[in-house]
Amino acid sequence: MGAVLRSRRRPLAIELDPEELAALEAPYTPRYDFQGVSDESEMQKIRDRIPGYATSA
């Protein structure tokens, strides 16, 4: 008969700010897909995450 392992795990509560949550929800492989994004502030957030992305003013 094998050994019986018992776990005494307790719930873990983690608080994340909106930026941390967005980073966790972002795809692992960067995908710069702008299709369907019409909110200029969301577009700016996407641009800010792309290394070397330049916009003309």
PDB file of N, CA and C in Angstrom:
ATOM      1  N   MET A   1       0.841  -1.170   0.000  1.00  0.00           N
ATOM      2  CA  MET A   1       0.000   0.000   0.000  1.00  0.00           C
ATOM      3  C   MET A   1       0.890   1.238   0.000  1.00  0.00           C
ATOM      4  N   GLY A   2       0.514   2.239  -0.841  1.00  0.00           N
ATOM      5  CA  GLY A   2       1.311   3.457  -0.965  1.00  0.00           C
ATOM      6  C   GLY A   2       1.059   4.431   0.173  1.00  0.00           C
ATOM      7  N   ALA A   3       1.879   5.433   0.235  1.00  0.00           N
ATOM      8  CA  ALA A   3       1.752   6.466   1.259  1.00  0.00           C
ATOM      9  C   ALA A   3       0.568   7.385   0.946  1.00  0.00           C
ATOM     10  N   VAL A   4      -0.043   7.880   1.975  1.00  0.00           N
ATOM     11  CA  VAL A   4      -1.154   8.819   1.828  1.00  0.00           C
ATOM     12  C   VAL A   4      -0.640  10.214   2.169  1.00  0.00           C
ATOM     13  N   LEU A   5      -0.785  11.118   1.216  1.00  0.00           N
ATOM     14  CA  LEU A   5      -0.340  12.496   1.442  1.00  0.00           C
ATOM     15  C   LEU A   5      -1.550  13.362   1.746  1.00  0.00           C
ATOM     16  N   ARG A   6      -1.452  14.122   2.786  1.00  0.00           N
ATOM     17  CA  ARG A   6      -2.531  15.037   3.140  1.00  0.00           C
ATOM     18  C   ARG A   6      -2.026  16.464   3.000  1.00  0.00           C
ATOM     19  N   SER A   7      -2.837  17.284   2.424  1.00  0.00           N
ATOM     20  CA  SER A   7      -2.475  18.689   2.220  1.00  0.00           C
ATOM     21  C   SER A   7      -3.246  19.561   3.189  1.00  0.00           C
ATOM     22  N   ARG A   8      -2.582  20.521   3.733  1.00  0.00           N
ATOM     23  CA  ARG A   8      -3.234  21.500   4.604  1.00  0.00           C
ATOM     24  C   ARG A   8      -3.208  22.859   3.931  1.00  0.00           C
ATOM     25  N   ARG A   9      -3.626  22.878   2.695  1.00  0.00           N
ATOM     26  CA  ARG A   9      -3.619  24.122   1.929  1.00  0.00           C
ATOM     27  C   ARG A   9      -4.671  25.077   2.455  1.00  0.00           C
ATOM     28  N   ARG A  10      -4.311  26.316   2.424  1.00  0.00           N
ATOM     29  CA  ARG A  10      -5.231  27.369   2.842  1.00  0.00           C
ATOM     30  C   ARG A  10      -5.475  28.280   1.645  1.00  0.00           C
ATOM     31  N   PRO A  11      -6.635  28.903   1.595  1.00  0.00           N
ATOM     32  CA  PRO A  11      -6.916  29.824   0.484  1.00  0.00           C
ATOM     33  C   PRO A  11      -5.910  30.972   0.462  1.00  0.00           C
ATOM     34  N   LEU A  12      -5.575  31.400  -0.723  1.00  0.00           N
ATOM     35  CA  LEU A  12      -4.635  32.498  -0.905  1.00  0.00           C
ATOM     36  C   LEU A  12      -5.373  33.661  -1.550  1.00  0.00           C
ATOM     37  N   ALA A  13      -5.341  34.802  -0.916  1.00  0.00           N
ATOM     38  CA  ALA A  13      -5.988  35.994  -1.454  1.00  0.00           C
ATOM     39  C   ALA A  13      -4.907  36.929  -1.993  1.00  0.00           C
ATOM     40  N   ILE A  14      -5.069  37.325  -3.246  1.00  0.00           N
ATOM     41  CA  ILE A  14      -4.109  38.219  -3.881  1.00  0.00           C
ATOM     42  C   ILE A  14      -4.868  39.415  -4.431  1.00  0.00           C
ATOM     43  N   GLU A  15      -4.368  40.599  -4.143  1.00  0.00           N
ATOM     44  CA  GLU A  15      -4.972  41.811  -4.688  1.00  0.00           C
ATOM     45  C   GLU A  15      -4.066  42.352  -5.782  1.00  0.00           C
ATOM     46  N   LEU A  16      -4.666  42.651  -6.925  1.00  0.00           N
ATOM     47  CA  LEU A  16      -3.914  43.192  -8.055  1.00  0.00           C
ATOM     48  C   LEU A  16      -4.510  44.529  -8.469  1.00  0.00           C
ATOM     49  N   ASP A  17      -3.623  45.448  -8.857  1.00  0.00           N
ATOM     50  CA  ASP A  17      -4.145  46.701  -9.392  1.00  0.00           C
ATOM     51  C   ASP A  17      -4.491  46.466 -10.869  1.00  0.00           C
ATOM     52  N   PRO A  18      -5.210  47.384 -11.488  1.00  0.00           N
ATOM     53  CA  PRO A  18      -5.652  47.171 -12.871  1.00  0.00           C
ATOM     54  C   PRO A  18      -4.516  46.884 -13.863  1.00  0.00           C
ATOM     55  N   GLU A  19      -3.373  47.531 -13.690  1.00  0.00           N
ATOM     56  CA  GLU A  19      -2.242  47.295 -14.598  1.00  0.00           C
ATOM     57  C   GLU A  19      -1.686  45.882 -14.431  1.00  0.00           C
ATOM     58  N   GLU A  20      -1.583  45.401 -13.196  1.00  0.00           N
ATOM     59  CA  GLU A  20      -1.096  44.045 -12.959  1.00  0.00           C
ATOM     60  C   GLU A  20      -2.069  43.013 -13.531  1.00  0.00           C
ATOM     61  N   LEU A  21      -3.349  43.260 -13.350  1.00  0.00           N
ATOM     62  CA  LEU A  21      -4.355  42.356 -13.883  1.00  0.00           C
ATOM     63  C   LEU A  21      -4.293  42.318 -15.412  1.00  0.00           C
ATOM     64  N   ALA A  22      -4.154  43.466 -16.040  1.00  0.00           N
ATOM     65  CA  ALA A  22      -4.049  43.528 -17.501  1.00  0.00           C
ATOM     66  C   ALA A  22      -2.821  42.764 -17.989  1.00  0.00           C
ATOM     67  N   ALA A  23      -1.717  42.883 -17.258  1.00  0.00           N
ATOM     68  CA  ALA A  23      -0.502  42.169 -17.648  1.00  0.00           C
ATOM     69  C   ALA A  23      -0.698  40.654 -17.570  1.00  0.00           C
ATOM     70  N   LEU A  24      -1.417  40.197 -16.565  1.00  0.00           N
ATOM     71  CA  LEU A  24      -1.672  38.760 -16.441  1.00  0.00           C
ATOM     72  C   LEU A  24      -2.640  38.250 -17.506  1.00  0.00           C
ATOM     73  N   GLU A  25      -3.564  39.104 -17.924  1.00  0.00           N
ATOM     74  CA  GLU A  25      -4.551  38.697 -18.914  1.00  0.00           C
ATOM     75  C   GLU A  25      -4.043  38.831 -20.345  1.00  0.00           C
ATOM     76  N   ALA A  26      -2.926  39.516 -20.527  1.00  0.00           N
ATOM     77  CA  ALA A  26      -2.381  39.707 -21.873  1.00  0.00           C
ATOM     78  C   ALA A  26      -1.880  38.373 -22.424  1.00  0.00           C
ATOM     79  N   PRO A  27      -1.955  38.197 -23.737  1.00  0.00           N
ATOM     80  CA  PRO A  27      -1.450  36.957 -24.326  1.00  0.00           C
ATOM     81  C   PRO A  27       0.038  36.775 -24.049  1.00  0.00           C
ATOM     82  N   TYR A  28       0.460  35.529 -23.895  1.00  0.00           N
ATOM     83  CA  TYR A  28       1.876  35.241 -23.652  1.00  0.00           C
ATOM     84  C   TYR A  28       2.711  35.666 -24.847  1.00  0.00           C
ATOM     85  N   THR A  29       2.252  35.320 -26.031  1.00  0.00           N
ATOM     86  CA  THR A  29       2.929  35.732 -27.249  1.00  0.00           C
ATOM     87  C   THR A  29       2.322  37.060 -27.680  1.00  0.00           C
ATOM     88  N   PRO A  30       3.148  38.100 -27.797  1.00  0.00           N
ATOM     89  CA  PRO A  30       2.588  39.396 -28.154  1.00  0.00           C
ATOM     90  C   PRO A  30       1.815  39.333 -29.471  1.00  0.00           C
ATOM     91  N   ARG A  31       0.616  39.823 -29.443  1.00  0.00           N
ATOM     92  CA  ARG A  31      -0.213  39.922 -30.642  1.00  0.00           C
ATOM     93  C   ARG A  31      -0.692  41.353 -30.732  1.00  0.00           C
ATOM     94  N   TYR A  32      -0.259  42.021 -31.738  1.00  0.00           N
ATOM     95  CA  TYR A  32      -0.629  43.417 -31.898  1.00  0.00           C
ATOM     96  C   TYR A  32      -1.791  43.495 -32.882  1.00  0.00           C
ATOM     97  N   ASP A  33      -2.965  43.144 -32.414  1.00  0.00           N
ATOM     98  CA  ASP A  33      -4.157  43.107 -33.234  1.00  0.00           C
ATOM     99  C   ASP A  33      -5.035  44.296 -32.874  1.00  0.00           C
ATOM    100  N   PHE A  34      -5.174  45.204 -33.825  1.00  0.00           N
ATOM    101  CA  PHE A  34      -5.952  46.409 -33.579  1.00  0.00           C
ATOM    102  C   PHE A  34      -7.389  46.285 -34.069  1.00  0.00           C
ATOM    103  N   GLN A  35      -7.709  45.197 -34.745  1.00  0.00           N
ATOM    104  CA  GLN A  35      -9.040  45.047 -35.318  1.00  0.00           C
ATOM    105  C   GLN A  35     -10.104  45.090 -34.221  1.00  0.00           C
ATOM    106  N   GLY A  36     -11.110  45.906 -34.424  1.00  0.00           N
ATOM    107  CA  GLY A  36     -12.206  45.997 -33.485  1.00  0.00           C
ATOM    108  C   GLY A  36     -11.987  46.974 -32.345  1.00  0.00           C
ATOM    109  N   VAL A  37     -10.803  47.589 -32.264  1.00  0.00           N
ATOM    110  CA  VAL A  37     -10.539  48.559 -31.203  1.00  0.00           C
ATOM    111  C   VAL A  37     -10.831  49.945 -31.749  1.00  0.00           C
ATOM    112  N   SER A  38     -11.841  50.586 -31.197  1.00  0.00           N
ATOM    113  CA  SER A  38     -12.193  51.925 -31.678  1.00  0.00           C
ATOM    114  C   SER A  38     -11.968  53.000 -30.616  1.00  0.00           C
ATOM    115  N   ASP A  39     -11.742  52.580 -29.390  1.00  0.00           N
ATOM    116  CA  ASP A  39     -11.527  53.527 -28.289  1.00  0.00           C
ATOM    117  C   ASP A  39     -10.074  54.017 -28.344  1.00  0.00           C
ATOM    118  N   GLU A  40      -9.893  55.323 -28.539  1.00  0.00           N
ATOM    119  CA  GLU A  40      -8.551  55.874 -28.688  1.00  0.00           C
ATOM    120  C   GLU A  40      -7.674  55.626 -27.458  1.00  0.00           C
ATOM    121  N   SER A  41      -8.268  55.656 -26.266  1.00  0.00           N
ATOM    122  CA  SER A  41      -7.448  55.413 -25.066  1.00  0.00           C
ATOM    123  C   SER A  41      -6.967  53.962 -25.029  1.00  0.00           C
ATOM    124  N   GLU A  42      -7.791  53.014 -25.486  1.00  0.00           N
ATOM    125  CA  GLU A  42      -7.361  51.604 -25.555  1.00  0.00           C
ATOM    126  C   GLU A  42      -6.272  51.443 -26.612  1.00  0.00           C
ATOM    127  N   MET A  43      -6.425  52.143 -27.743  1.00  0.00           N
ATOM    128  CA  MET A  43      -5.395  52.088 -28.788  1.00  0.00           C
ATOM    129  C   MET A  43      -4.069  52.609 -28.242  1.00  0.00           C
ATOM    130  N   GLN A  44      -4.123  53.678 -27.452  1.00  0.00           N
ATOM    131  CA  GLN A  44      -2.887  54.223 -26.898  1.00  0.00           C
ATOM    132  C   GLN A  44      -2.238  53.226 -25.943  1.00  0.00           C
ATOM    133  N   LYS A  45      -3.028  52.520 -25.155  1.00  0.00           N
ATOM    134  CA  LYS A  45      -2.478  51.502 -24.257  1.00  0.00           C
ATOM    135  C   LYS A  45      -1.765  50.418 -25.060  1.00  0.00           C
ATOM    136  N   ILE A  46      -2.356  50.023 -26.180  1.00  0.00           N
ATOM    137  CA  ILE A  46      -1.735  49.009 -27.038  1.00  0.00           C
ATOM    138  C   ILE A  46      -0.434  49.546 -27.610  1.00  0.00           C
ATOM    139  N   ARG A  47      -0.464  50.775 -28.127  1.00  0.00           N
ATOM    140  CA  ARG A  47       0.753  51.380 -28.689  1.00  0.00           C
ATOM    141  C   ARG A  47       1.863  51.447 -27.650  1.00  0.00           C
ATOM    142  N   ASP A  48       1.493  51.810 -26.421  1.00  0.00           N
ATOM    143  CA  ASP A  48       2.492  51.952 -25.357  1.00  0.00           C
ATOM    144  C   ASP A  48       3.178  50.628 -25.026  1.00  0.00           C
ATOM    145  N   ARG A  49       2.497  49.518 -25.277  1.00  0.00           N
ATOM    146  CA  ARG A  49       3.072  48.200 -24.966  1.00  0.00           C
ATOM    147  C   ARG A  49       3.969  47.664 -26.070  1.00  0.00           C
ATOM    148  N   ILE A  50       3.915  48.279 -27.254  1.00  0.00           N
ATOM    149  CA  ILE A  50       4.691  47.766 -28.395  1.00  0.00           C
ATOM    150  C   ILE A  50       6.049  48.446 -28.420  1.00  0.00           C
ATOM    151  N   PRO A  51       7.110  47.668 -28.214  1.00  0.00           N
ATOM    152  CA  PRO A  51       8.448  48.257 -28.256  1.00  0.00           C
ATOM    153  C   PRO A  51       8.723  48.841 -29.645  1.00  0.00           C
ATOM    154  N   GLY A  52       9.200  50.073 -29.681  1.00  0.00           N
ATOM    155  CA  GLY A  52       9.566  50.700 -30.938  1.00  0.00           C
ATOM    156  C   GLY A  52       8.419  51.221 -31.756  1.00  0.00           C
ATOM    157  N   TYR A  53       7.198  51.151 -31.238  1.00  0.00           N
ATOM    158  CA  TYR A  53       6.046  51.652 -31.989  1.00  0.00           C
ATOM    159  C   TYR A  53       6.079  53.164 -31.972  1.00  0.00           C
ATOM    160  N   ALA A  54       6.047  53.771 -33.137  1.00  0.00           N
ATOM    161  CA  ALA A  54       6.091  55.230 -33.214  1.00  0.00           C
ATOM    162  C   ALA A  54       4.828  55.729 -33.897  1.00  0.00           C
ATOM    163  N   THR A  55       4.324  56.835 -33.408  1.00  0.00           N
ATOM    164  CA  THR A  55       3.171  57.465 -34.032  1.00  0.00           C
ATOM    165  C   THR A  55       3.570  58.837 -34.510  1.00  0.00           C
ATOM    166  N   SER A  56       2.969  59.267 -35.575  1.00  0.00           N
ATOM    167  CA  SER A  56       3.251  60.622 -36.048  1.00  0.00           C
ATOM    168  C   SER A  56       2.224  61.574 -35.451  1.00  0.00           C
ATOM    169  N   ALA A  57       2.698  62.681 -34.949  1.00  0.00           N
ATOM    170  CA  ALA A  57       1.789  63.632 -34.297  1.00  0.00           C
ATOM    171  C   ALA A  57       1.379  64.722 -35.250  1.00  0.00           C
TER     172      ALA A  57
END
